[in-house]
Amino acid sequence: PKKRGRPKKDTTAKDLKGSRFALGKAPEHLTKKQQAQLEFIAKADKRLYRAYLLKEKLRLVFQCENVAIAKKELDGWIKWAQHCRINVFVELQRKIRRHYDAILATMEHHLSNAVLEATNRKIKLSVYMAYGFRNIDNMIDMIMLRCSDIDVRLPWDYEAT
């Protein structure tokens, strides 16, 4: 197994500098310079390019509208990741296998925990803002106001009549 670290000797870190954004973007959003950088990576560092292709294929799996096609694509991705010899993707495919049914249900019903995560973030930010409050009830009230749909109008928000 190949160790982590710098790329092969024929490809220097300087050659790969600045390619992080090209590797992270979807291919349809790449600039000409980023496309050229990816073409260079495809020739110079096969392992890094394989990791990019694995990332892209998994992204496309979650964009499939048809659940049957998505399931077939996900199964193909799991097989590819299982044999790719890139430890991060091997671990990821194991996690995906453990949560396979839940992932398929998410694809089928188009559900996400994004709203829950956003609310959790609001609560954490409110707790941070409430640092130093002497009364815990005031902090809880602030969290309830921030996380609810109540529109609180302050005196200076009213239009002058």
Protein backbone atom coordinates (compact mmCIF):
# COMPACT_ATOMS: atom_id res chain seq x y z
CA PRO A 1 0.00 0.00 0.00
CA LYS A 2 1.17 3.44 -0.90
CA LYS A 3 1.93 5.79 1.97
CA ARG A 4 0.47 9.24 2.37
CA GLY A 5 2.66 12.20 1.58
CA ARG A 6 4.09 13.98 -1.38
CA PRO A 7 3.35 12.90 -4.95
CA LYS A 8 5.68 10.72 -7.00
CA LYS A 9 9.10 12.15 -7.78
CA ASP A 10 8.22 12.96 -11.39
CA THR A 11 5.35 15.16 -10.16
CA THR A 12 6.35 17.83 -7.72
CA ALA A 13 4.15 19.53 -5.17
CA LYS A 14 4.79 22.76 -7.06
CA ASP A 15 3.17 21.23 -10.18
CA LEU A 16 0.04 20.38 -8.19
CA LYS A 17 -0.14 23.69 -6.34
CA GLY A 18 -3.46 25.45 -6.90
CA SER A 19 -5.29 22.34 -8.08
CA ARG A 20 -7.36 22.01 -4.90
CA PHE A 21 -10.21 24.12 -6.27
CA ALA A 22 -10.15 22.32 -9.61
CA LEU A 23 -10.42 18.97 -7.82
CA GLY A 24 -13.25 20.17 -5.60
CA LYS A 25 -15.45 21.70 -8.28
CA ALA A 26 -17.97 19.93 -10.45
CA PRO A 27 -16.66 19.55 -14.03
CA GLU A 28 -19.41 21.78 -15.46
CA HIS A 29 -18.19 24.70 -13.33
CA LEU A 30 -14.47 24.50 -14.14
CA THR A 31 -12.64 27.38 -15.75
CA LYS A 32 -10.32 26.75 -18.72
CA LYS A 33 -7.29 26.95 -16.43
CA GLN A 34 -8.82 24.44 -14.01
CA GLN A 35 -9.67 22.08 -16.89
CA ALA A 36 -6.04 22.27 -18.00
CA GLN A 37 -4.94 21.56 -14.43
CA LEU A 38 -7.15 18.46 -14.34
CA GLU A 39 -5.77 17.26 -17.66
CA PHE A 40 -2.27 17.66 -16.25
CA ILE A 41 -3.24 15.70 -13.11
CA ALA A 42 -4.74 12.93 -15.27
CA LYS A 43 -1.37 12.47 -16.95
CA ALA A 44 0.96 13.17 -14.04
CA ASP A 45 -0.70 11.61 -10.99
CA LYS A 46 -3.01 8.70 -11.83
CA ARG A 47 -3.92 8.00 -8.20
CA LEU A 48 -5.04 11.57 -7.53
CA TYR A 49 -7.04 11.61 -10.75
CA ARG A 50 -8.68 8.30 -9.80
CA ALA A 51 -9.70 9.86 -6.48
CA TYR A 52 -11.20 12.80 -8.39
CA LEU A 53 -13.17 10.44 -10.63
CA LEU A 54 -14.46 8.50 -7.62
CA LYS A 55 -15.60 11.75 -6.01
CA GLU A 56 -17.37 12.85 -9.17
CA LYS A 57 -19.09 9.51 -9.73
CA LEU A 58 -20.44 9.52 -6.17
CA ARG A 59 -21.68 13.10 -6.63
CA LEU A 60 -23.53 12.05 -9.78
CA VAL A 61 -25.08 9.06 -7.98
CA PHE A 62 -26.85 11.44 -5.60
CA GLN A 63 -28.11 13.57 -8.47
CA CYS A 64 -29.95 10.70 -10.15
CA GLU A 65 -33.70 11.23 -10.31
CA ASN A 66 -34.57 7.55 -10.79
CA VAL A 67 -33.99 5.51 -7.62
CA ALA A 68 -33.41 2.27 -9.54
CA ILE A 69 -30.68 3.88 -11.65
CA ALA A 70 -29.20 5.52 -8.54
CA LYS A 71 -29.11 2.14 -6.77
CA LYS A 72 -27.36 0.53 -9.72
CA GLU A 73 -24.85 3.40 -9.94
CA LEU A 74 -24.23 3.31 -6.17
CA ASP A 75 -23.59 -0.44 -6.33
CA GLY A 76 -21.10 0.14 -9.15
CA TRP A 77 -19.41 2.92 -7.18
CA ILE A 78 -19.11 0.69 -4.10
CA LYS A 79 -17.41 -2.04 -6.16
CA TRP A 80 -15.02 0.48 -7.72
CA ALA A 81 -14.19 2.09 -4.36
CA GLN A 82 -13.69 -1.30 -2.73
CA HIS A 83 -10.92 -2.15 -5.20
CA CYS A 84 -9.40 1.31 -5.76
CA ARG A 85 -6.60 0.95 -3.17
CA ILE A 86 -7.19 4.48 -1.85
CA ASN A 87 -7.77 4.03 1.88
CA VAL A 88 -10.14 6.98 2.27
CA PHE A 89 -12.49 5.66 -0.40
CA VAL A 90 -12.27 2.09 0.88
CA GLU A 91 -13.39 3.35 4.30
CA LEU A 92 -16.12 5.49 2.73
CA GLN A 93 -17.57 2.56 0.81
CA ARG A 94 -17.67 0.56 4.06
CA LYS A 95 -19.63 3.37 5.72
CA ILE A 96 -21.96 3.58 2.74
CA ARG A 97 -22.56 -0.18 2.96
CA ARG A 98 -23.39 0.12 6.66
CA HIS A 99 -25.97 2.83 5.93
CA TYR A 100 -27.03 1.52 2.52
CA ASP A 101 -30.76 1.21 3.25
CA ALA A 102 -30.93 4.67 4.82
CA ILE A 103 -29.09 6.19 1.84
CA LEU A 104 -31.52 4.58 -0.61
CA ALA A 105 -34.48 5.81 1.47
CA THR A 106 -33.01 9.31 1.38
CA MET A 107 -32.70 9.14 -2.40
CA GLU A 108 -36.24 7.81 -2.76
CA HIS A 109 -37.97 10.28 -0.46
CA HIS A 110 -35.64 13.27 -1.05
CA LEU A 111 -35.28 13.88 2.68
CA SER A 112 -32.36 15.55 4.34
CA ASN A 113 -31.31 16.55 7.82
CA ALA A 114 -30.21 19.99 6.57
CA VAL A 115 -32.99 21.84 8.42
CA LEU A 116 -32.10 20.07 11.64
CA GLU A 117 -28.41 20.89 11.20
CA ALA A 118 -29.22 24.56 10.49
CA THR A 119 -31.36 24.76 13.63
CA ASN A 120 -28.62 23.11 15.65
CA ARG A 121 -26.16 25.70 14.34
CA LYS A 122 -28.53 28.54 15.32
CA ILE A 123 -28.79 27.12 18.83
CA LYS A 124 -25.02 26.83 19.19
CA LEU A 125 -24.57 30.39 17.97
CA SER A 126 -27.24 31.62 20.39
CA VAL A 127 -25.55 29.86 23.30
CA TYR A 128 -22.27 31.46 22.27
CA MET A 129 -23.94 34.90 22.09
CA ALA A 130 -25.52 34.32 25.52
CA TYR A 131 -22.16 33.82 27.21
CA GLY A 132 -22.28 35.74 30.48
CA PHE A 133 -26.07 35.75 30.88
CA ARG A 134 -26.90 35.47 34.56
CA ASN A 135 -30.26 33.88 33.96
CA ILE A 136 -30.49 30.65 31.94
CA ASP A 137 -34.17 31.39 31.18
CA ASN A 138 -33.11 34.46 29.20
CA MET A 139 -30.80 32.33 27.08
CA ILE A 140 -33.55 29.76 26.47
CA ASP A 141 -35.97 32.54 25.52
CA MET A 142 -33.45 33.94 23.03
CA ILE A 143 -32.98 30.48 21.48
CA MET A 144 -36.75 30.01 21.22
CA LEU A 145 -37.13 33.38 19.49
CA ARG A 146 -34.29 32.81 17.05
CA CYS A 147 -35.41 29.30 16.09
CA SER A 148 -39.11 30.04 15.75
CA ASP A 149 -40.98 31.73 12.92
CA ILE A 150 -42.23 34.51 15.19
CA ASP A 151 -41.73 37.95 13.66
CA VAL A 152 -40.83 40.23 16.56
CA ARG A 153 -41.17 43.90 15.62
CA LEU A 154 -39.08 46.28 17.64
CA PRO A 155 -40.29 49.85 18.28
CA TRP A 156 -37.91 51.34 15.71
CA ASP A 157 -39.12 48.90 13.03
CA TYR A 158 -42.62 50.40 12.89
CA GLU A 159 -43.25 52.91 10.17
CA ALA A 160 -43.92 56.46 11.35
CA THR A 161 -47.55 57.31 10.91
